[in-house]
Amino acid sequence: MNTQLKNSLAAALLVLSAAGAASSQVVDKKTLTLDGAKKVIAAAAAEAKRLNAPGGVIAVVDNGGNLMALERLDNTFAAGANISIGKARTAVLFQRPTKFFEEVIGKGRTSMVTVAEVTPFTPLQGGIPIMVDGQIVGGVGVSGAASAPQDEQLAIAGSKAFEGMMATSAVTFYGSDKVAQAFAKGAVLYNNGTNYMVHASRREGPGMVEVHTKDTDIVHVLDGTATVITGGEMLDGKATEPDEFRGKSIRGGETRQIAKGDVIIIPNGVPHWFQQVNGPLTYYVVKVR
C-alpha cells in the first residue's frame, strides 16, 4: 500500500473516530411544539368542561420554563394567569408535580419558600411536567378552577393527552385472545387519549337513541343482524355526560338492516338507534373526534 493511500485511510479513520466520540457525548432530545402546547390546553379545557369547572387559566411552558401558550377560561380571576405560569415553570424546573412542594411546606418545612429568592417557584398544587419517553419536554399549570385538586386534575388531563398523542407513532397489537375477551363483554379496546377510540362492541338487545356531538362512529359488523335508524329527531333526549345525549326513540330518520360485513359511518351530531337486535351483535366501532 503506497504512502498516499495510507495517509488517506488514516485521515478517514480519524474523522470516523471523532464523529463516533461526538455522537457518544450527545443525546436525542424531544421538544414540545406550539401545536403540541395547544393540544395540551385543549385537553385540559375539555376536562374543565367535563367537570363543569367554573373557570381556570391553563399555561404551557417548554422544558426551560418559557411560556409557549396560555388560555384563560371564562369567569377566571385575573391573577390566575401568572399563577398558572408559575406552576408550570415550577413543575419543569424541579421535575415533579407542584403538589409535592405544597405538601412539604404544609408539613412544616417552611424554609422551602426561600427557594423563590433564587429561582421562580410556585409551590401550589396544579403544575404537572409533560413527559415523553422519560424526558421532560415541558410543563402545564392550571389555576382558578373550583379547587386545588381540580387544578391538578385539569393539568394531568392536559399532560396525559399529549403523552397519548406522542405515543400514537408506536404500533399497537392485540392478540386474538384479548380481542375475543373484549367482544365477550363489550369493551373499549384502545383509546389514544386525544382523537380516536376503538370499541369492541357487543349488543344482546336494542338500546337507547344516541347522539355524540363530537365523535363520528365508524361501525364494522362482525356478526349478527340489527335494525338501525339514523337521522331524524331524537325524542325525550337528555344529556348523560358532556357531548353525549340519550333518548327513547326517533321521529323520522332512515331505517337500515345491517349484517355481517356491513360498514356504516355515522357523523357526529346524527341521532342513531339500534332499534332491534337479532341475537348477539358484535361490531367494531372506531370513534373519531
C-alpha atoms as a PDB file:
ATOM      1  CA  MET A   1       0.000   0.000   0.000  1.00  0.00           C
ATOM      2  CA  ASN A   2       1.540   3.365  -1.022  1.00  0.00           C
ATOM      3  CA  THR A   3       2.098   6.212   1.420  1.00  0.00           C
ATOM      4  CA  GLN A   4      -0.619   8.457  -0.051  1.00  0.00           C
ATOM      5  CA  LEU A   5      -3.280   5.745   0.290  1.00  0.00           C
ATOM      6  CA  LYS A   6      -2.179   5.005   3.861  1.00  0.00           C
ATOM      7  CA  ASN A   7      -2.466   8.673   4.759  1.00  0.00           C
ATOM      8  CA  SER A   8      -5.960   8.871   3.226  1.00  0.00           C
ATOM      9  CA  LEU A   9      -7.168   5.837   5.159  1.00  0.00           C
ATOM     10  CA  ALA A  10      -5.693   7.192   8.367  1.00  0.00           C
ATOM     11  CA  ALA A  11      -7.455  10.513   7.858  1.00  0.00           C
ATOM     12  CA  ALA A  12     -10.773   8.766   7.166  1.00  0.00           C
ATOM     13  CA  LEU A  13     -10.451   6.659  10.310  1.00  0.00           C
ATOM     14  CA  LEU A  14      -9.635   9.775  12.322  1.00  0.00           C
ATOM     15  CA  VAL A  15     -12.803  11.520  11.065  1.00  0.00           C
ATOM     16  CA  LEU A  16     -14.957   8.473  11.827  1.00  0.00           C
ATOM     17  CA  SER A  17     -13.431   8.161  15.280  1.00  0.00           C
ATOM     18  CA  ALA A  18     -14.094  11.818  16.042  1.00  0.00           C
ATOM     19  CA  ALA A  19     -17.688  11.513  14.810  1.00  0.00           C
ATOM     20  CA  GLY A  20     -18.245   8.454  16.984  1.00  0.00           C
ATOM     21  CA  ALA A  21     -16.827  10.218  20.028  1.00  0.00           C
ATOM     22  CA  ALA A  22     -19.009  13.258  19.415  1.00  0.00           C
ATOM     23  CA  SER A  23     -22.178  11.172  18.994  1.00  0.00           C
ATOM     24  CA  SER A  24     -21.494   9.428  22.300  1.00  0.00           C
ATOM     25  CA  GLN A  25     -21.478  12.804  24.058  1.00  0.00           C
ATOM     26  CA  VAL A  26     -24.915  13.971  22.899  1.00  0.00           C
ATOM     27  CA  VAL A  27     -28.429  12.520  23.188  1.00  0.00           C
ATOM     28  CA  ASP A  28     -31.564  12.833  21.120  1.00  0.00           C
ATOM     29  CA  LYS A  29     -33.846  15.372  22.764  1.00  0.00           C
ATOM     30  CA  LYS A  30     -37.625  15.616  22.422  1.00  0.00           C
ATOM     31  CA  THR A  31     -39.121  19.073  22.084  1.00  0.00           C
ATOM     32  CA  LEU A  32     -42.599  20.465  22.584  1.00  0.00           C
ATOM     33  CA  THR A  33     -44.027  22.272  19.551  1.00  0.00           C
ATOM     34  CA  LEU A  34     -46.555  25.087  19.588  1.00  0.00           C
ATOM     35  CA  ASP A  35     -49.127  22.732  18.082  1.00  0.00           C
ATOM     36  CA  GLY A  36     -48.432  20.264  20.894  1.00  0.00           C
ATOM     37  CA  ALA A  37     -48.820  23.006  23.509  1.00  0.00           C
ATOM     38  CA  LYS A  38     -52.194  23.976  22.036  1.00  0.00           C
ATOM     39  CA  LYS A  39     -53.345  20.359  22.194  1.00  0.00           C
ATOM     40  CA  VAL A  40     -52.361  20.169  25.867  1.00  0.00           C
ATOM     41  CA  ILE A  41     -54.507  23.245  26.525  1.00  0.00           C
ATOM     42  CA  ALA A  42     -57.402  21.811  24.504  1.00  0.00           C
ATOM     43  CA  ALA A  43     -57.342  18.583  26.528  1.00  0.00           C
ATOM     44  CA  ALA A  44     -57.258  20.459  29.849  1.00  0.00           C
ATOM     45  CA  ALA A  45     -60.098  22.746  28.701  1.00  0.00           C
ATOM     46  CA  ALA A  46     -62.148  19.703  27.670  1.00  0.00           C
ATOM     47  CA  GLU A  47     -61.619  18.216  31.134  1.00  0.00           C
ATOM     48  CA  ALA A  48     -62.757  21.502  32.692  1.00  0.00           C
ATOM     49  CA  LYS A  49     -65.932  21.313  30.631  1.00  0.00           C
ATOM     50  CA  ARG A  50     -66.487  17.688  31.606  1.00  0.00           C
ATOM     51  CA  LEU A  51     -66.169  18.586  35.289  1.00  0.00           C
ATOM     52  CA  ASN A  52     -68.274  21.743  34.892  1.00  0.00           C
ATOM     53  CA  ALA A  53     -65.372  23.733  36.338  1.00  0.00           C
ATOM     54  CA  PRO A  54     -66.338  27.392  36.856  1.00  0.00           C
ATOM     55  CA  GLY A  55     -63.134  28.709  35.255  1.00  0.00           C
ATOM     56  CA  GLY A  56     -59.374  28.321  35.121  1.00  0.00           C
ATOM     57  CA  VAL A  57     -56.233  29.502  33.370  1.00  0.00           C
ATOM     58  CA  ILE A  58     -54.133  26.878  31.558  1.00  0.00           C
ATOM     59  CA  ALA A  59     -50.473  27.624  30.819  1.00  0.00           C
ATOM     60  CA  VAL A  60     -47.926  25.504  28.948  1.00  0.00           C
ATOM     61  CA  VAL A  61     -44.162  26.082  29.093  1.00  0.00           C
ATOM     62  CA  ASP A  62     -41.245  24.417  27.312  1.00  0.00           C
ATOM     63  CA  ASN A  63     -38.521  22.418  29.062  1.00  0.00           C
ATOM     64  CA  GLY A  64     -36.743  25.640  30.008  1.00  0.00           C
ATOM     65  CA  GLY A  65     -39.811  27.101  31.696  1.00  0.00           C
ATOM     66  CA  ASN A  66     -40.545  29.563  28.891  1.00  0.00           C
ATOM     67  CA  LEU A  67     -44.218  30.287  28.202  1.00  0.00           C
ATOM     68  CA  MET A  68     -45.490  28.757  24.938  1.00  0.00           C
ATOM     69  CA  ALA A  69     -49.278  29.076  25.184  1.00  0.00           C
ATOM     70  CA  LEU A  70     -51.934  30.236  27.613  1.00  0.00           C
ATOM     71  CA  GLU A  71     -55.722  30.188  27.676  1.00  0.00           C
ATOM     72  CA  ARG A  72     -57.948  31.892  30.207  1.00  0.00           C
ATOM     73  CA  LEU A  73     -61.375  30.303  30.544  1.00  0.00           C
ATOM     74  CA  ASP A  74     -64.411  32.430  31.277  1.00  0.00           C
ATOM     75  CA  ASN A  75     -65.044  33.626  34.851  1.00  0.00           C
ATOM     76  CA  THR A  76     -61.417  33.262  35.968  1.00  0.00           C
ATOM     77  CA  PHE A  77     -59.738  35.821  38.228  1.00  0.00           C
ATOM     78  CA  ALA A  78     -57.022  37.917  36.571  1.00  0.00           C
ATOM     79  CA  ALA A  79     -54.138  36.731  38.774  1.00  0.00           C
ATOM     80  CA  GLY A  80     -54.752  33.164  37.634  1.00  0.00           C
ATOM     81  CA  ALA A  81     -52.602  33.706  34.545  1.00  0.00           C
ATOM     82  CA  ASN A  82     -49.398  34.450  36.442  1.00  0.00           C
ATOM     83  CA  ILE A  83     -50.089  31.711  38.978  1.00  0.00           C
ATOM     84  CA  SER A  84     -50.671  29.055  36.285  1.00  0.00           C
ATOM     85  CA  ILE A  85     -47.430  30.064  34.531  1.00  0.00           C
ATOM     86  CA  GLY A  86     -45.588  29.814  37.848  1.00  0.00           C
ATOM     87  CA  LYS A  87     -46.972  26.341  38.492  1.00  0.00           C
ATOM     88  CA  ALA A  88     -45.958  25.115  35.030  1.00  0.00           C
ATOM     89  CA  ARG A  89     -42.431  26.532  35.408  1.00  0.00           C
ATOM     90  CA  THR A  90     -42.002  25.024  38.862  1.00  0.00           C
ATOM     91  CA  ALA A  91     -43.071  21.577  37.602  1.00  0.00           C
ATOM     92  CA  VAL A  92     -40.472  21.762  34.813  1.00  0.00           C
ATOM     93  CA  LEU A  93     -37.540  23.299  36.685  1.00  0.00           C
ATOM     94  CA  PHE A  94     -37.895  20.951  39.662  1.00  0.00           C
ATOM     95  CA  GLN A  95     -39.037  17.972  37.576  1.00  0.00           C
ATOM     96  CA  ARG A  96     -42.010  16.994  39.699  1.00  0.00           C
ATOM     97  CA  PRO A  97     -45.660  17.946  40.324  1.00  0.00           C
ATOM     98  CA  THR A  98     -46.059  21.129  42.368  1.00  0.00           C
ATOM     99  CA  LYS A  99     -48.303  19.284  44.819  1.00  0.00           C
ATOM    100  CA  PHE A 100     -45.100  17.818  46.262  1.00  0.00           C
ATOM    101  CA  PHE A 101     -43.845  21.246  47.380  1.00  0.00           C
ATOM    102  CA  GLU A 102     -47.219  22.327  48.745  1.00  0.00           C
ATOM    103  CA  GLU A 103     -47.333  19.195  50.898  1.00  0.00           C
ATOM    104  CA  VAL A 104     -43.722  19.613  52.111  1.00  0.00           C
ATOM    105  CA  ILE A 105     -44.372  23.193  53.201  1.00  0.00           C
ATOM    106  CA  GLY A 106     -47.731  22.214  54.709  1.00  0.00           C
ATOM    107  CA  LYS A 107     -45.952  19.641  56.897  1.00  0.00           C
ATOM    108  CA  GLY A 108     -43.800  22.339  58.431  1.00  0.00           C
ATOM    109  CA  ARG A 109     -40.758  22.735  56.217  1.00  0.00           C
ATOM    110  CA  THR A 110     -41.437  26.428  55.651  1.00  0.00           C
ATOM    111  CA  SER A 111     -37.797  27.107  54.762  1.00  0.00           C
ATOM    112  CA  MET A 112     -38.660  25.702  51.335  1.00  0.00           C
ATOM    113  CA  VAL A 113     -40.304  29.025  50.397  1.00  0.00           C
ATOM    114  CA  THR A 114     -36.862  30.700  50.406  1.00  0.00           C
ATOM    115  CA  VAL A 115     -36.204  28.926  47.112  1.00  0.00           C
ATOM    116  CA  ALA A 116     -38.211  31.718  45.497  1.00  0.00           C
ATOM    117  CA  GLU A 117     -35.359  34.111  46.312  1.00  0.00           C
ATOM    118  CA  VAL A 118     -33.043  32.402  43.824  1.00  0.00           C
ATOM    119  CA  THR A 119     -35.363  30.898  41.182  1.00  0.00           C
ATOM    120  CA  PRO A 120     -39.024  31.160  40.106  1.00  0.00           C
ATOM    121  CA  PHE A 121     -41.016  28.959  42.484  1.00  0.00           C
ATOM    122  CA  THR A 122     -44.767  28.470  42.906  1.00  0.00           C
ATOM    123  CA  PRO A 123     -45.418  25.715  45.486  1.00  0.00           C
ATOM    124  CA  LEU A 124     -49.128  25.375  44.762  1.00  0.00           C
ATOM    125  CA  GLN A 125     -50.938  22.277  43.534  1.00  0.00           C
ATOM    126  CA  GLY A 126     -51.782  22.315  39.826  1.00  0.00           C
ATOM    127  CA  GLY A 127     -48.437  22.071  37.994  1.00  0.00           C
ATOM    128  CA  ILE A 128     -47.504  18.867  36.131  1.00  0.00           C
ATOM    129  CA  PRO A 129     -44.429  18.002  33.997  1.00  0.00           C
ATOM    130  CA  ILE A 130     -45.118  16.803  30.447  1.00  0.00           C
ATOM    131  CA  MET A 131     -43.142  13.617  29.780  1.00  0.00           C
ATOM    132  CA  VAL A 132     -42.292  11.831  26.528  1.00  0.00           C
ATOM    133  CA  ASP A 133     -40.165   8.674  26.541  1.00  0.00           C
ATOM    134  CA  GLY A 134     -38.852   9.503  30.002  1.00  0.00           C
ATOM    135  CA  GLN A 135     -37.869  13.062  29.041  1.00  0.00           C
ATOM    136  CA  ILE A 136     -39.479  16.238  30.339  1.00  0.00           C
ATOM    137  CA  VAL A 137     -40.467  18.308  27.308  1.00  0.00           C
ATOM    138  CA  GLY A 138     -42.490  20.944  29.119  1.00  0.00           C
ATOM    139  CA  GLY A 139     -44.981  21.611  31.852  1.00  0.00           C
ATOM    140  CA  VAL A 140     -48.631  22.543  32.250  1.00  0.00           C
ATOM    141  CA  GLY A 141     -50.045  24.645  35.066  1.00  0.00           C
ATOM    142  CA  VAL A 142     -53.677  25.345  35.944  1.00  0.00           C
ATOM    143  CA  SER A 143     -55.055  27.933  38.349  1.00  0.00           C
ATOM    144  CA  GLY A 144     -58.543  29.188  39.128  1.00  0.00           C
ATOM    145  CA  ALA A 145     -60.644  26.024  38.828  1.00  0.00           C
ATOM    146  CA  ALA A 146     -63.040  25.136  41.635  1.00  0.00           C
ATOM    147  CA  SER A 147     -60.297  23.777  43.933  1.00  0.00           C
ATOM    148  CA  ALA A 148     -56.576  22.954  44.061  1.00  0.00           C
ATOM    149  CA  PRO A 149     -57.222  19.226  43.398  1.00  0.00           C
ATOM    150  CA  GLN A 150     -59.298  20.210  40.378  1.00  0.00           C
ATOM    151  CA  ASP A 151     -56.473  22.444  39.124  1.00  0.00           C
ATOM    152  CA  GLU A 152     -54.227  19.399  39.240  1.00  0.00           C
ATOM    153  CA  GLN A 153     -56.839  17.170  37.594  1.00  0.00           C
ATOM    154  CA  LEU A 154     -57.041  19.544  34.621  1.00  0.00           C
ATOM    155  CA  ALA A 155     -53.250  19.742  34.385  1.00  0.00           C
ATOM    156  CA  ILE A 156     -52.947  15.949  34.447  1.00  0.00           C
ATOM    157  CA  ALA A 157     -55.551  15.642  31.690  1.00  0.00           C
ATOM    158  CA  GLY A 158     -53.519  18.040  29.554  1.00  0.00           C
ATOM    159  CA  SER A 159     -50.209  16.275  30.111  1.00  0.00           C
ATOM    160  CA  LYS A 160     -51.668  12.804  29.571  1.00  0.00           C
ATOM    161  CA  ALA A 161     -53.353  13.844  26.340  1.00  0.00           C
ATOM    162  CA  PHE A 162     -50.023  14.996  24.947  1.00  0.00           C
ATOM    163  CA  GLU A 163     -48.290  11.811  26.042  1.00  0.00           C
ATOM    164  CA  GLY A 164     -51.037   9.797  24.327  1.00  0.00           C
ATOM    165  CA  MET A 165     -50.649  11.897  21.190  1.00  0.00           C
ATOM    166  CA  MET A 166     -46.884  11.274  21.071  1.00  0.00           C
ATOM    167  CA  ALA A 167     -47.414   7.564  21.650  1.00  0.00           C
ATOM    168  CA  THR A 168     -49.572   7.192  18.550  1.00  0.00           C
ATOM    169  CA  SER A 169     -46.446   6.628  16.430  1.00  0.00           C
ATOM    170  CA  ALA A 170     -45.966   3.296  18.194  1.00  0.00           C
ATOM    171  CA  VAL A 171     -47.597   0.193  16.756  1.00  0.00           C
ATOM    172  CA  THR A 172     -50.291  -1.317  18.993  1.00  0.00           C
ATOM    173  CA  PHE A 173     -51.069  -5.018  18.741  1.00  0.00           C
ATOM    174  CA  TYR A 174     -53.806  -7.068  20.420  1.00  0.00           C
ATOM    175  CA  GLY A 175     -53.720 -10.857  20.202  1.00  0.00           C
ATOM    176  CA  SER A 176     -56.820 -12.779  19.250  1.00  0.00           C
ATOM    177  CA  ASP A 177     -57.396 -13.920  22.848  1.00  0.00           C
ATOM    178  CA  LYS A 178     -57.541 -10.365  24.157  1.00  0.00           C
ATOM    179  CA  VAL A 179     -59.801  -9.291  21.293  1.00  0.00           C
ATOM    180  CA  ALA A 180     -62.150 -12.205  21.982  1.00  0.00           C
ATOM    181  CA  GLN A 181     -62.291 -11.270  25.675  1.00  0.00           C
ATOM    182  CA  ALA A 182     -63.213  -7.689  24.764  1.00  0.00           C
ATOM    183  CA  PHE A 183     -66.021  -8.789  22.455  1.00  0.00           C
ATOM    184  CA  ALA A 184     -67.343 -11.273  25.024  1.00  0.00           C
ATOM    185  CA  LYS A 185     -68.471  -8.397  27.258  1.00  0.00           C
ATOM    186  CA  GLY A 186     -68.172  -5.334  25.015  1.00  0.00           C
ATOM    187  CA  ALA A 187     -65.292  -3.055  25.942  1.00  0.00           C
ATOM    188  CA  VAL A 188     -63.010  -0.236  24.819  1.00  0.00           C
ATOM    189  CA  LEU A 189     -60.134  -1.952  23.042  1.00  0.00           C
ATOM    190  CA  TYR A 190     -57.944   1.136  22.526  1.00  0.00           C
ATOM    191  CA  ASN A 191     -58.050   4.813  23.479  1.00  0.00           C
ATOM    192  CA  ASN A 192     -55.285   7.113  22.276  1.00  0.00           C
ATOM    193  CA  GLY A 193     -56.430   9.815  24.662  1.00  0.00           C
ATOM    194  CA  THR A 194     -56.979  12.524  22.094  1.00  0.00           C
ATOM    195  CA  ASN A 195     -58.925  11.982  18.901  1.00  0.00           C
ATOM    196  CA  TYR A 196     -59.942   8.360  18.430  1.00  0.00           C
ATOM    197  CA  MET A 197     -61.003   5.214  20.237  1.00  0.00           C
ATOM    198  CA  VAL A 198     -61.643   1.620  19.176  1.00  0.00           C
ATOM    199  CA  HIS A 199     -64.544  -0.240  20.791  1.00  0.00           C
ATOM    200  CA  ALA A 200     -65.068  -3.988  20.674  1.00  0.00           C
ATOM    201  CA  SER A 201     -68.856  -3.686  20.922  1.00  0.00           C
ATOM    202  CA  ARG A 202     -71.482  -6.290  21.729  1.00  0.00           C
ATOM    203  CA  ARG A 203     -75.271  -5.960  21.896  1.00  0.00           C
ATOM    204  CA  GLU A 204     -77.762  -8.558  23.028  1.00  0.00           C
ATOM    205  CA  GLY A 205     -80.805  -6.347  22.503  1.00  0.00           C
ATOM    206  CA  PRO A 206     -81.952  -2.876  21.438  1.00  0.00           C
ATOM    207  CA  GLY A 207     -80.507   0.229  23.047  1.00  0.00           C
ATOM    208  CA  MET A 208     -81.340   3.888  23.513  1.00  0.00           C
ATOM    209  CA  VAL A 209     -81.066   6.562  20.869  1.00  0.00           C
ATOM    210  CA  GLU A 210     -77.577   8.058  20.903  1.00  0.00           C
ATOM    211  CA  VAL A 211     -76.146  11.387  19.782  1.00  0.00           C
ATOM    212  CA  HIS A 212     -72.412  12.121  20.019  1.00  0.00           C
ATOM    213  CA  THR A 213     -71.821  15.827  19.440  1.00  0.00           C
ATOM    214  CA  LYS A 214     -68.087  15.394  18.801  1.00  0.00           C
ATOM    215  CA  ASP A 215     -67.494  11.752  17.827  1.00  0.00           C
ATOM    216  CA  THR A 216     -68.074  10.218  14.408  1.00  0.00           C
ATOM    217  CA  ASP A 217     -68.806   6.463  14.638  1.00  0.00           C
ATOM    218  CA  ILE A 218     -67.350   4.095  12.042  1.00  0.00           C
ATOM    219  CA  VAL A 219     -69.099   0.750  12.538  1.00  0.00           C
ATOM    220  CA  HIS A 220     -67.984  -2.573  11.047  1.00  0.00           C
ATOM    221  CA  VAL A 221     -70.303  -5.506  11.783  1.00  0.00           C
ATOM    222  CA  LEU A 222     -68.564  -8.797  12.551  1.00  0.00           C
ATOM    223  CA  ASP A 223     -71.542 -10.998  13.351  1.00  0.00           C
ATOM    224  CA  GLY A 224     -75.314 -10.830  13.857  1.00  0.00           C
ATOM    225  CA  THR A 225     -78.012  -8.599  12.376  1.00  0.00           C
ATOM    226  CA  ALA A 226     -79.851  -5.494  13.560  1.00  0.00           C
ATOM    227  CA  THR A 227     -82.271  -2.758  12.531  1.00  0.00           C
ATOM    228  CA  VAL A 228     -80.631   0.670  12.786  1.00  0.00           C
ATOM    229  CA  ILE A 229     -82.376   4.041  12.417  1.00  0.00           C
ATOM    230  CA  THR A 230     -80.242   7.102  11.682  1.00  0.00           C
ATOM    231  CA  GLY A 231     -81.113  10.779  11.378  1.00  0.00           C
ATOM    232  CA  GLY A 232     -84.488  12.254  12.198  1.00  0.00           C
ATOM    233  CA  GLU A 233     -85.288  13.794  15.590  1.00  0.00           C
ATOM    234  CA  MET A 234     -84.405  12.250  18.937  1.00  0.00           C
ATOM    235  CA  LEU A 235     -87.339  12.225  21.358  1.00  0.00           C
ATOM    236  CA  ASP A 236     -87.024  12.719  25.134  1.00  0.00           C
ATOM    237  CA  GLY A 237     -83.312  13.344  24.789  1.00  0.00           C
ATOM    238  CA  LYS A 238     -81.197  14.063  27.858  1.00  0.00           C
ATOM    239  CA  ALA A 239     -77.501  14.795  28.386  1.00  0.00           C
ATOM    240  CA  THR A 240     -75.833  11.812  30.050  1.00  0.00           C
ATOM    241  CA  GLU A 241     -72.321  13.307  30.072  1.00  0.00           C
ATOM    242  CA  PRO A 242     -70.541  16.139  28.219  1.00  0.00           C
ATOM    243  CA  ASP A 243     -71.133  15.877  24.451  1.00  0.00           C
ATOM    244  CA  GLU A 244     -73.313  12.774  24.877  1.00  0.00           C
ATOM    245  CA  PHE A 245     -77.130  12.553  24.715  1.00  0.00           C
ATOM    246  CA  ARG A 246     -79.551   9.646  25.028  1.00  0.00           C
ATOM    247  CA  GLY A 247     -83.243   9.413  24.100  1.00  0.00           C
ATOM    248  CA  LYS A 248     -86.143   6.974  23.928  1.00  0.00           C
ATOM    249  CA  SER A 249     -86.954   6.971  20.212  1.00  0.00           C
ATOM    250  CA  ILE A 250     -86.527   8.746  16.880  1.00  0.00           C
ATOM    251  CA  ARG A 251     -89.130  10.622  14.869  1.00  0.00           C
ATOM    252  CA  GLY A 252     -88.428  10.152  11.178  1.00  0.00           C
ATOM    253  CA  GLY A 253     -84.964   9.035  10.156  1.00  0.00           C
ATOM    254  CA  GLU A 254     -83.815   6.282   7.798  1.00  0.00           C
ATOM    255  CA  THR A 255     -84.140   2.587   8.626  1.00  0.00           C
ATOM    256  CA  ARG A 256     -81.492   0.067   7.572  1.00  0.00           C
ATOM    257  CA  GLN A 257     -80.845  -3.614   8.148  1.00  0.00           C
ATOM    258  CA  ILE A 258     -77.202  -4.265   8.957  1.00  0.00           C
ATOM    259  CA  ALA A 259     -75.461  -7.640   8.939  1.00  0.00           C
ATOM    260  CA  LYS A 260     -72.041  -9.298   8.963  1.00  0.00           C
ATOM    261  CA  GLY A 261     -69.532  -7.454   6.781  1.00  0.00           C
ATOM    262  CA  ASP A 262     -71.501  -4.187   6.591  1.00  0.00           C
ATOM    263  CA  VAL A 263     -69.918  -0.829   7.391  1.00  0.00           C
ATOM    264  CA  ILE A 264     -71.913   2.237   8.443  1.00  0.00           C
ATOM    265  CA  ILE A 265     -70.434   5.679   9.151  1.00  0.00           C
ATOM    266  CA  ILE A 266     -72.479   7.943  11.443  1.00  0.00           C
ATOM    267  CA  PRO A 267     -71.238  11.564  11.572  1.00  0.00           C
ATOM    268  CA  ASN A 268     -71.130  13.424  14.858  1.00  0.00           C
ATOM    269  CA  GLY A 269     -74.437  15.038  15.787  1.00  0.00           C
ATOM    270  CA  VAL A 270     -76.570  12.462  13.930  1.00  0.00           C
ATOM    271  CA  PRO A 271     -79.090  10.519  16.070  1.00  0.00           C
ATOM    272  CA  HIS A 272     -78.811   6.745  15.730  1.00  0.00           C
ATOM    273  CA  TRP A 273     -80.681   3.871  17.309  1.00  0.00           C
ATOM    274  CA  PHE A 274     -80.184   0.110  17.352  1.00  0.00           C
ATOM    275  CA  GLN A 275     -83.940  -0.397  17.378  1.00  0.00           C
ATOM    276  CA  GLN A 276     -83.891  -4.169  17.059  1.00  0.00           C
ATOM    277  CA  VAL A 277     -81.070  -6.657  17.554  1.00  0.00           C
ATOM    278  CA  ASN A 278     -81.420 -10.257  16.442  1.00  0.00           C
ATOM    279  CA  GLY A 279     -79.249 -12.305  18.759  1.00  0.00           C
ATOM    280  CA  PRO A 280     -75.737 -11.240  19.777  1.00  0.00           C
ATOM    281  CA  LEU A 281     -74.449  -8.425  17.559  1.00  0.00           C
ATOM    282  CA  THR A 282     -70.671  -7.878  17.588  1.00  0.00           C
ATOM    283  CA  TYR A 283     -69.057  -4.975  15.798  1.00  0.00           C
ATOM    284  CA  TYR A 284     -66.052  -2.699  15.845  1.00  0.00           C
ATOM    285  CA  VAL A 285     -66.657   0.989  16.429  1.00  0.00           C
ATOM    286  CA  VAL A 286     -63.894   3.477  15.690  1.00  0.00           C
ATOM    287  CA  LYS A 287     -64.793   6.788  17.313  1.00  0.00           C
ATOM    288  CA  VAL A 288     -63.065   9.696  15.588  1.00  0.00           C
ATOM    289  CA  ARG A 289     -63.057  13.163  17.146  1.00  0.00           C
END
